[in-house]
Amino acid sequence: MHTASRVSPLPVVALPLALCLLLAATLQLQLPLMLWDHIDLVPIYDAWRRGALAASQFWRIHDGSHFHSAAYAVLLATTWLSGGRPWLDCVAGWGFYALLAWTLWRLVGNGWRERKVARGWWGAMLLLIAHPGHLANLQWGWQVAVFISLLGAVAPIHWLTLERPTQALNLAGVVLAVIGVLGFSTTLAVFPVALALVVLRSEWSWLRRLTFALPWLLAGGALVAWLLAARGEPVALPGAGALALYALNYLGGGVLRFAENIAPWWTLLALVLAIPAAVRCRRQAQARPWLALMAFALGCALFTALGRVGNFGTDHAFVTRYASFALLFWIGWLGLMVLAWRDVATAWRWVRPLLIVTLLFAAVNGAHLAKKARTTHQRAVAVAAQIRADWPQLDDALLAQAYGDRAAAARQRLALLRQWGFAPFGRADAD
C-alpha cells in the first residue's frame, strides 16, 4: 500500500503513556452535569426514548452554524449506557482523541520519512499532540464533537499524503470527513485541502486525479448545499482586518492563550517564515502533510471568524475550546520548519531558537489551559451541588451562569433529568 513511515526514536510507550495521563486528567476534571449547550441534548434524548428522534433537532443545524448529528449519536449512546453520568461522554471524547493522536503520530513519521530527525523534535511533537490544552474539550462531554471533527480531517490528510494512497483509503477519507462535518461543520475546511493534495500528485495521470477528486467534490458540494439550506439567519460579513485578526488570534491561542497581545504577532511571524520553508520544500512530498495541517487549521480559523467575529469580536478567538484546532497549525509548522532547515546550517542557527521559544510558549500555555480546566471543573461541581440543594427553587442567576441564554429552557430540561435520575441528580431522585 505504501512504504513504511519513519519509526519514532522515542520509547514505544511514550504516546500511550501521554494519552493515559490525559485520560486520568479528563476523569479527574470532568464536568459532572450537562452544562451550557449540553443541555440541548435533553429534548433529543427525550425524543429518542419516545421513538420520535427524526422529529427532534437531531438532523438540524445547532445554533444556526453547526451540524452535530454524529456527536448526538455518540452522546445518546453514552448517556443511556451511563445512566446520565457525563463521565462516559468524556471517555468517548477521549477515545476519538486517542485515535486522532495516533493518526497524527503516524503523520509525523510520514512527514519526516527519509530524514534523520533528533529525538528532541519528536518529543516536541509529542508535547503538541498530547497537549494539556485539549482538556478544555476532553472534560466537557458535549465536545466529543470536536474530536469527531478533527479525526475526520486529519485521517484523510494522512492517507492522501502517503506515498501510494489507494482509492479505498480515499473513499474512507471522504466518509470520515463527512462524519467529521456532522460533528463540527468546520471540518468542511478539509475538502479544499484534500482536493489540493490530489491535484498536486503530478506523478498521477489526470484521469486518476479526477477519480480521487470526484468523491470529494460530490460530498463537499452536498454538505455545503445542506448547510446553506438549513442554516439560520445569515450574519454580516466582517471586514478583512477583523477577519485576519480573528484568524491570527485563533491560531495563536494554541501556544499563546496566556499572552493574548503577543499571540497574533507570533502567528503572523510563523506564517511569514513558513513561506520560504514551503518554497524550499516545494518538490518534496514529505512537506505535504505539514502544509495540509497548516492549511486546514487556517481554514478552520477563517470559517470560525466568518461566523463569530461580527457578533463577538476578535477576542472571541481565544475561547479555550479552539486550542484543539489551533494546535494542528503548530504541529504542521514545526514539522515543516524542521524538514526545510534542519540540514541547512546557516539557516538552522536562527530557526532552531525560534522553534524552541515556540515550544516553551506551548508548554506554558499547556499549564495555563490545564489550570483553567481545573477552575472550570470546580465551578461545575459547585453548580451541580447548588442545583441539587436548591431544587426546585433555582435562582435565575445560577441558571444564567450555567446555561446562558438557555436558562429559561433549562428549568424544564433539568426537571426531565431529575425524573430520569440523571446528573446532577441522584438515581434515588428519579420519579
Protein backbone atom coordinates (compact mmCIF):
# COMPACT_ATOMS: atom_id res chain seq x y z
CA MET A 1 0.00 0.00 0.00
CA HIS A 2 2.78 2.42 0.92
CA THR A 3 6.32 2.38 2.22
CA ALA A 4 6.80 2.44 5.95
CA SER A 5 6.83 5.75 7.75
CA ARG A 6 9.83 6.69 9.83
CA VAL A 7 9.81 4.98 13.23
CA SER A 8 9.94 7.32 16.21
CA PRO A 9 13.16 7.21 18.24
CA LEU A 10 11.09 7.72 21.40
CA PRO A 11 10.11 4.69 23.52
CA VAL A 12 7.10 2.90 22.10
CA VAL A 13 5.18 3.61 25.32
CA ALA A 14 5.65 7.39 25.04
CA LEU A 15 2.42 8.19 23.22
CA PRO A 16 0.24 5.63 25.07
CA LEU A 17 1.56 6.90 28.40
CA ALA A 18 0.82 10.51 27.46
CA LEU A 19 -2.69 9.53 26.37
CA CYS A 20 -3.30 7.66 29.63
CA LEU A 21 -2.20 10.70 31.62
CA LEU A 22 -4.67 12.83 29.70
CA LEU A 23 -7.42 10.26 30.32
CA ALA A 24 -6.70 10.38 34.05
CA ALA A 25 -6.79 14.18 33.98
CA THR A 26 -10.02 14.09 31.97
CA LEU A 27 -11.78 11.88 34.51
CA GLN A 28 -10.43 13.98 37.37
CA LEU A 29 -11.57 17.26 35.81
CA GLN A 30 -14.78 16.15 34.07
CA LEU A 31 -17.82 18.41 34.29
CA PRO A 32 -20.31 16.41 36.38
CA LEU A 33 -23.50 17.64 34.70
CA MET A 34 -24.84 18.86 31.39
CA LEU A 35 -23.69 22.48 31.21
CA TRP A 36 -24.18 25.19 28.59
CA ASP A 37 -25.03 23.75 25.15
CA HIS A 38 -25.02 20.19 26.52
CA ILE A 39 -28.49 20.78 27.98
CA ASP A 40 -29.76 20.82 24.37
CA LEU A 41 -29.27 17.06 24.32
CA VAL A 42 -32.17 16.59 26.77
CA PRO A 43 -35.07 17.10 24.30
CA ILE A 44 -33.24 14.97 21.72
CA TYR A 45 -32.76 12.19 24.28
CA ASP A 46 -36.41 12.51 25.29
CA ALA A 47 -37.50 12.23 21.65
CA TRP A 48 -35.27 9.17 21.21
CA ARG A 49 -36.86 7.50 24.25
CA ARG A 50 -40.29 8.13 22.76
CA GLY A 51 -39.31 6.85 19.31
CA ALA A 52 -39.55 10.31 17.74
CA LEU A 53 -35.88 11.06 17.07
CA ALA A 54 -36.45 12.17 13.47
CA ALA A 55 -38.83 14.89 14.67
CA SER A 56 -36.23 16.30 17.07
CA GLN A 57 -33.22 18.55 16.42
CA PHE A 58 -31.04 15.52 15.66
CA TRP A 59 -30.54 16.29 11.96
CA ARG A 60 -30.85 20.05 12.22
CA ILE A 61 -28.29 22.82 12.46
CA HIS A 62 -27.37 23.67 16.05
CA ASP A 63 -27.49 27.39 16.85
CA GLY A 64 -27.57 28.25 13.17
CA SER A 65 -23.98 27.23 12.49
CA HIS A 66 -23.02 23.59 13.12
CA PHE A 67 -24.19 20.10 12.39
CA HIS A 68 -23.87 17.91 15.49
CA SER A 69 -25.65 14.74 14.39
CA ALA A 70 -22.59 12.49 14.72
CA ALA A 71 -21.91 13.83 18.21
CA TYR A 72 -25.58 13.43 19.16
CA ALA A 73 -25.44 9.77 18.14
CA VAL A 74 -22.44 9.18 20.41
CA LEU A 75 -23.93 11.16 23.31
CA LEU A 76 -27.28 9.38 23.11
CA ALA A 77 -25.46 6.06 23.49
CA THR A 78 -23.14 7.19 26.29
CA THR A 79 -25.95 8.93 28.18
CA TRP A 80 -28.09 5.80 28.04
CA LEU A 81 -25.24 3.45 28.97
CA SER A 82 -24.05 5.59 31.89
CA GLY A 83 -27.48 6.40 33.27
CA GLY A 84 -26.95 10.09 32.55
CA ARG A 85 -23.47 10.36 34.09
CA PRO A 86 -21.20 12.57 31.92
CA TRP A 87 -18.00 10.64 32.68
CA LEU A 88 -18.74 8.21 29.85
CA ASP A 89 -19.25 11.11 27.43
CA CYS A 90 -15.74 12.24 28.35
CA VAL A 91 -14.30 8.76 27.88
CA ALA A 92 -15.88 8.62 24.42
CA GLY A 93 -14.37 12.01 23.60
CA TRP A 94 -11.00 10.75 24.78
CA GLY A 95 -11.41 7.67 22.58
CA PHE A 96 -11.82 9.81 19.47
CA TYR A 97 -8.95 12.00 20.64
CA ALA A 98 -6.72 8.92 21.09
CA LEU A 99 -7.45 7.87 17.50
CA LEU A 100 -6.64 11.42 16.41
CA ALA A 101 -3.36 11.41 18.34
CA TRP A 102 -2.32 8.03 16.92
CA THR A 103 -3.11 9.25 13.39
CA LEU A 104 -1.08 12.42 13.96
CA TRP A 105 1.82 10.33 15.24
CA ARG A 106 1.72 8.29 12.04
CA LEU A 107 1.53 11.50 10.03
CA VAL A 108 4.65 12.81 11.76
CA GLY A 109 6.51 9.67 10.76
CA ASN A 110 5.32 10.07 7.19
CA GLY A 111 6.30 13.74 7.05
CA TRP A 112 9.78 13.06 8.39
CA ARG A 113 10.44 9.88 6.41
CA GLU A 114 13.92 9.61 4.91
CA ARG A 115 15.13 12.25 7.36
CA LYS A 116 17.27 11.87 10.45
CA VAL A 117 15.33 13.95 12.99
CA ALA A 118 16.66 14.24 16.53
CA ARG A 119 14.80 12.68 19.43
CA GLY A 120 14.11 16.13 20.89
CA TRP A 121 11.95 17.18 17.95
CA TRP A 122 9.92 14.01 18.26
CA GLY A 123 9.46 14.90 21.92
CA ALA A 124 8.30 18.34 20.82
CA MET A 125 5.70 16.71 18.57
CA LEU A 126 4.56 14.57 21.48
CA LEU A 127 4.03 17.74 23.52
CA LEU A 128 1.90 19.32 20.79
CA ILE A 129 -0.11 16.16 20.10
CA ALA A 130 -0.76 15.21 23.74
CA HIS A 131 -1.13 18.82 24.81
CA PRO A 132 -2.96 19.75 28.05
CA GLY A 133 -4.87 22.33 26.03
CA HIS A 134 -7.12 19.50 24.86
CA LEU A 135 -8.52 19.23 28.39
CA ALA A 136 -10.93 22.11 27.73
CA ASN A 137 -12.67 19.81 25.24
CA LEU A 138 -11.98 16.47 26.92
CA GLN A 139 -13.52 17.49 30.26
CA TRP A 140 -16.83 18.54 28.68
CA GLY A 141 -18.70 15.59 27.22
CA TRP A 142 -20.51 17.76 24.70
CA GLN A 143 -17.19 18.42 22.98
CA VAL A 144 -16.91 14.88 21.66
CA ALA A 145 -17.94 16.74 18.50
CA VAL A 146 -14.53 18.43 18.35
CA PHE A 147 -12.59 15.17 18.20
CA ILE A 148 -15.00 13.60 15.71
CA SER A 149 -14.42 16.70 13.60
CA LEU A 150 -10.63 16.68 13.88
CA LEU A 151 -10.32 12.95 13.23
CA GLY A 152 -12.49 13.45 10.15
CA ALA A 153 -9.91 15.89 8.81
CA VAL A 154 -6.57 14.51 9.98
CA ALA A 155 -7.15 10.91 8.87
CA PRO A 156 -7.87 11.88 5.23
CA ILE A 157 -4.87 14.24 5.23
CA HIS A 158 -2.67 11.41 6.47
CA TRP A 159 -3.99 8.91 3.95
CA LEU A 160 -3.77 11.29 0.99
CA THR A 161 -0.16 12.17 1.81
CA LEU A 162 1.06 8.58 1.95
CA GLU A 163 3.45 7.64 -0.84
CA ARG A 164 0.93 5.37 -2.53
CA PRO A 165 -2.62 6.02 -1.30
CA THR A 166 -5.34 3.74 -2.62
CA GLN A 167 -8.84 4.56 -3.82
CA ALA A 168 -10.18 2.62 -0.86
CA LEU A 169 -8.31 4.91 1.55
CA ASN A 170 -9.52 7.92 -0.43
CA LEU A 171 -13.16 6.84 -0.11
CA ALA A 172 -12.67 6.06 3.57
CA GLY A 173 -11.29 9.57 3.96
CA VAL A 174 -14.36 11.07 2.31
CA VAL A 175 -16.64 9.10 4.63
CA LEU A 176 -14.68 10.19 7.71
CA ALA A 177 -14.71 13.80 6.53
CA VAL A 178 -18.49 13.71 6.10
CA ILE A 179 -18.87 12.27 9.60
CA GLY A 180 -16.48 14.97 10.82
CA VAL A 181 -18.69 17.69 9.34
CA LEU A 182 -21.64 16.09 11.14
CA GLY A 183 -19.65 16.55 14.33
CA PHE A 184 -18.50 20.12 13.75
CA SER A 185 -19.06 21.98 10.50
CA THR A 186 -15.56 23.47 10.38
CA THR A 187 -14.37 20.10 9.05
CA LEU A 188 -15.57 21.47 5.71
CA ALA A 189 -12.15 23.13 5.57
CA VAL A 190 -10.57 19.75 4.79
CA PHE A 191 -12.39 19.41 1.46
CA PRO A 192 -10.38 22.05 -0.46
CA VAL A 193 -7.23 20.77 1.26
CA ALA A 194 -7.95 17.22 0.08
CA LEU A 195 -8.60 18.43 -3.46
CA ALA A 196 -5.30 20.32 -3.46
CA LEU A 197 -3.46 17.21 -2.26
CA VAL A 198 -4.96 15.22 -5.14
CA VAL A 199 -4.18 17.88 -7.77
CA LEU A 200 -0.57 18.13 -6.55
CA ARG A 201 0.01 14.45 -7.41
CA SER A 202 1.91 15.30 -10.59
CA GLU A 203 3.08 11.69 -10.87
CA TRP A 204 -0.55 10.62 -11.44
CA SER A 205 -2.47 10.89 -14.68
CA TRP A 206 -5.25 13.46 -14.81
CA LEU A 207 -7.78 10.62 -15.02
CA ARG A 208 -6.51 9.11 -11.78
CA ARG A 209 -6.56 12.52 -10.11
CA LEU A 210 -10.13 13.02 -11.27
CA THR A 211 -11.26 9.67 -9.85
CA PHE A 212 -9.77 10.66 -6.49
CA ALA A 213 -11.16 14.19 -6.58
CA LEU A 214 -14.70 13.40 -7.70
CA PRO A 215 -15.93 11.89 -4.38
CA TRP A 216 -14.60 14.96 -2.55
CA LEU A 217 -16.35 17.32 -4.95
CA LEU A 218 -19.67 15.48 -4.72
CA ALA A 219 -19.64 15.07 -0.93
CA GLY A 220 -18.41 18.60 -0.29
CA GLY A 221 -20.97 20.13 -2.62
CA ALA A 222 -23.80 18.17 -1.00
CA LEU A 223 -22.73 19.21 2.51
CA VAL A 224 -22.41 22.88 1.58
CA ALA A 225 -25.86 22.80 -0.05
CA TRP A 226 -27.35 21.16 3.04
CA LEU A 227 -25.69 23.68 5.35
CA LEU A 228 -26.85 26.66 3.29
CA ALA A 229 -30.40 25.32 3.16
CA ALA A 230 -30.58 24.54 6.88
CA ARG A 231 -28.66 27.41 8.48
CA GLY A 232 -30.30 30.21 10.41
CA GLU A 233 -30.19 33.93 9.79
CA PRO A 234 -27.09 34.95 7.79
CA VAL A 235 -24.51 37.07 9.58
CA ALA A 236 -22.94 40.19 8.15
CA LEU A 237 -19.57 39.56 6.56
CA PRO A 238 -16.73 41.05 8.64
CA GLY A 239 -14.09 43.36 7.25
CA ALA A 240 -10.83 41.89 6.06
CA GLY A 241 -8.90 43.34 9.01
CA ALA A 242 -11.22 41.85 11.62
CA LEU A 243 -11.25 38.54 9.77
CA ALA A 244 -7.46 38.40 9.67
CA LEU A 245 -7.02 39.39 13.32
CA TYR A 246 -9.57 36.81 14.47
CA ALA A 247 -7.79 34.10 12.48
CA LEU A 248 -4.38 35.08 13.88
CA ASN A 249 -5.78 35.11 17.43
CA TYR A 250 -7.45 31.74 16.83
CA LEU A 251 -4.23 30.08 15.70
CA GLY A 252 -2.08 31.90 18.24
CA GLY A 253 -4.27 30.66 21.08
CA GLY A 254 -2.82 27.20 20.56
CA VAL A 255 0.53 28.29 22.04
CA LEU A 256 -0.05 31.77 23.48
CA ARG A 257 -3.50 31.85 25.05
CA PHE A 258 -1.80 33.16 28.20
CA ALA A 259 -0.35 36.16 26.28
CA GLU A 260 -3.13 37.40 24.01
CA ASN A 261 -1.32 40.56 22.94
CA ILE A 262 1.60 38.56 21.57
CA ALA A 263 -0.37 35.68 20.03
CA PRO A 264 -1.40 37.26 16.70
CA TRP A 265 2.07 38.67 16.05
CA TRP A 266 3.77 35.34 16.75
CA THR A 267 1.32 33.60 14.44
CA LEU A 268 1.99 36.17 11.73
CA LEU A 269 5.73 35.58 12.14
CA ALA A 270 5.16 31.83 11.82
CA LEU A 271 3.15 32.29 8.63
CA VAL A 272 5.79 34.55 7.10
CA LEU A 273 8.57 32.10 7.96
CA ALA A 274 6.55 29.23 6.51
CA ILE A 275 6.68 30.80 3.04
CA PRO A 276 10.42 30.30 2.33
CA ALA A 277 10.23 26.89 4.02
CA ALA A 278 7.40 25.86 1.71
CA VAL A 279 9.27 27.20 -1.32
CA ARG A 280 12.38 25.25 -0.35
CA CYS A 281 10.36 22.03 0.07
CA ARG A 282 8.07 22.56 -2.91
CA ARG A 283 9.30 19.43 -4.69
CA GLN A 284 9.32 17.24 -1.59
CA ALA A 285 6.28 15.05 -1.00
CA GLN A 286 7.17 14.96 2.71
CA ALA A 287 6.14 18.62 3.00
CA ARG A 288 2.53 17.89 2.06
CA PRO A 289 1.33 16.57 5.44
CA TRP A 290 2.71 19.64 7.21
CA LEU A 291 1.31 22.15 4.74
CA ALA A 292 -2.05 20.36 4.74
CA LEU A 293 -2.34 20.55 8.53
CA MET A 294 -1.50 24.24 8.47
CA ALA A 295 -3.96 24.92 5.65
CA PHE A 296 -6.75 23.02 7.40
CA ALA A 297 -6.21 24.87 10.69
CA LEU A 298 -6.13 28.20 8.85
CA GLY A 299 -9.35 27.25 7.07
CA CYS A 300 -10.98 26.45 10.42
CA ALA A 301 -9.84 29.83 11.74
CA LEU A 302 -11.32 31.68 8.77
CA PHE A 303 -14.60 29.73 8.82
CA THR A 304 -14.99 30.42 12.53
CA ALA A 305 -14.15 34.10 12.02
CA LEU A 306 -16.85 34.42 9.36
CA GLY A 307 -19.47 33.15 11.78
CA ARG A 308 -18.31 34.69 15.04
CA VAL A 309 -16.32 37.90 14.69
CA GLY A 310 -19.33 40.05 13.75
CA ASN A 311 -21.24 39.19 16.93
CA PHE A 312 -18.44 38.54 19.41
CA GLY A 313 -15.37 40.47 18.29
CA THR A 314 -11.82 39.35 17.59
CA ASP A 315 -11.00 38.37 21.19
CA HIS A 316 -13.62 35.62 20.97
CA ALA A 317 -10.99 33.65 19.04
CA PHE A 318 -9.22 32.92 22.34
CA VAL A 319 -12.05 30.66 23.54
CA THR A 320 -10.18 27.72 25.04
CA ARG A 321 -12.00 25.03 23.06
CA TYR A 322 -10.39 26.31 19.84
CA ALA A 323 -6.95 25.23 21.09
CA SER A 324 -7.53 21.71 19.77
CA PHE A 325 -7.90 23.09 16.24
CA ALA A 326 -5.08 25.63 16.56
CA LEU A 327 -2.56 23.04 17.74
CA LEU A 328 -2.75 21.37 14.32
CA PHE A 329 -1.31 24.53 12.80
CA TRP A 330 1.70 24.43 15.13
CA ILE A 331 2.26 20.71 14.54
CA GLY A 332 2.33 21.41 10.82
CA TRP A 333 4.56 24.47 11.23
CA LEU A 334 7.10 22.69 13.42
CA GLY A 335 7.23 19.71 11.06
CA LEU A 336 7.72 21.94 8.03
CA MET A 337 10.45 24.06 9.62
CA VAL A 338 12.44 21.01 10.74
CA LEU A 339 12.04 19.40 7.32
CA ALA A 340 13.11 22.54 5.47
CA TRP A 341 16.01 23.81 7.54
CA ARG A 342 17.41 21.02 9.72
CA ASP A 343 20.18 20.26 7.22
CA VAL A 344 20.99 23.89 6.34
CA ALA A 345 23.47 25.02 8.98
CA THR A 346 23.31 28.76 8.29
CA ALA A 347 19.51 28.86 8.46
CA TRP A 348 19.21 26.37 11.32
CA ARG A 349 21.19 28.66 13.63
CA TRP A 350 18.31 31.15 13.70
CA VAL A 351 15.39 28.79 13.02
CA ARG A 352 16.19 26.47 15.93
CA PRO A 353 15.89 29.17 18.66
CA LEU A 354 12.51 30.27 17.23
CA LEU A 355 11.24 26.70 17.38
CA ILE A 356 12.48 26.29 20.95
CA VAL A 357 10.80 29.54 22.04
CA THR A 358 7.55 28.42 20.41
CA LEU A 359 7.72 25.11 22.27
CA LEU A 360 8.35 26.93 25.54
CA PHE A 361 5.27 29.02 24.81
CA ALA A 362 3.33 25.81 24.13
CA ALA A 363 4.46 24.27 27.42
CA VAL A 364 3.48 27.35 29.43
CA ASN A 365 0.21 27.52 27.53
CA GLY A 366 -0.47 23.90 28.44
CA ALA A 367 -0.07 24.68 32.13
CA HIS A 368 -2.27 27.77 31.72
CA LEU A 369 -5.05 25.85 29.97
CA ALA A 370 -4.84 22.95 32.44
CA LYS A 371 -5.31 25.44 35.27
CA LYS A 372 -8.35 26.89 33.51
CA ALA A 373 -9.74 23.37 33.10
CA ARG A 374 -9.38 22.79 36.84
CA THR A 375 -11.15 26.07 37.60
CA THR A 376 -13.97 25.15 35.22
CA HIS A 377 -14.32 21.76 36.92
CA GLN A 378 -14.50 23.33 40.38
CA ARG A 379 -17.19 25.77 39.26
CA ALA A 380 -19.18 22.97 37.64
CA VAL A 381 -19.04 20.89 40.82
CA ALA A 382 -20.32 23.89 42.79
CA VAL A 383 -23.14 24.49 40.29
CA ALA A 384 -24.19 20.83 40.44
CA ALA A 385 -24.26 20.89 44.24
CA GLN A 386 -26.30 24.10 44.31
CA ILE A 387 -28.84 22.77 41.81
CA ARG A 388 -29.36 19.66 43.94
CA ALA A 389 -29.59 21.67 47.16
CA ASP A 390 -31.97 24.35 45.86
CA TRP A 391 -34.24 22.21 43.69
CA PRO A 392 -36.84 23.16 42.60
CA GLN A 393 -36.36 26.79 43.71
CA LEU A 394 -33.46 27.58 41.42
CA ASP A 395 -32.05 31.08 41.31
CA ASP A 396 -32.19 32.85 37.94
CA ALA A 397 -28.58 33.97 38.33
CA LEU A 398 -27.48 30.36 38.84
CA LEU A 399 -29.28 29.22 35.70
CA ALA A 400 -27.83 32.11 33.72
CA GLN A 401 -24.34 31.17 34.92
CA ALA A 402 -24.82 27.52 33.99
CA TYR A 403 -26.83 27.84 30.79
CA GLY A 404 -26.59 31.40 29.47
CA ASP A 405 -29.38 32.17 27.03
CA ARG A 406 -30.76 28.66 27.59
CA ALA A 407 -31.66 29.46 31.22
CA ALA A 408 -35.44 29.52 30.64
CA ALA A 409 -35.45 26.17 28.82
CA ALA A 410 -33.01 24.70 31.35
CA ARG A 411 -35.65 24.57 34.13
CA GLN A 412 -37.83 22.17 32.18
CA ARG A 413 -34.85 20.15 30.98
CA LEU A 414 -33.44 19.84 34.49
CA ALA A 415 -36.84 18.57 35.59
CA LEU A 416 -36.56 15.80 33.00
CA LEU A 417 -33.04 14.97 34.17
CA ARG A 418 -34.34 14.65 37.73
CA GLN A 419 -37.23 12.50 36.56
CA TRP A 420 -34.76 10.14 34.89
CA GLY A 421 -32.30 10.21 37.79
CA PHE A 422 -29.58 11.75 35.61
CA ALA A 423 -26.79 14.06 36.79
CA PRO A 424 -26.69 16.38 38.63
CA PHE A 425 -29.41 14.46 40.48
CA GLY A 426 -29.08 11.05 42.05
CA ARG A 427 -30.83 7.92 40.89
CA ALA A 428 -32.84 7.99 44.11
CA ASP A 429 -34.45 11.24 42.88
CA ALA A 430 -35.92 9.56 39.80
CA ASP A 431 -39.70 9.52 39.60
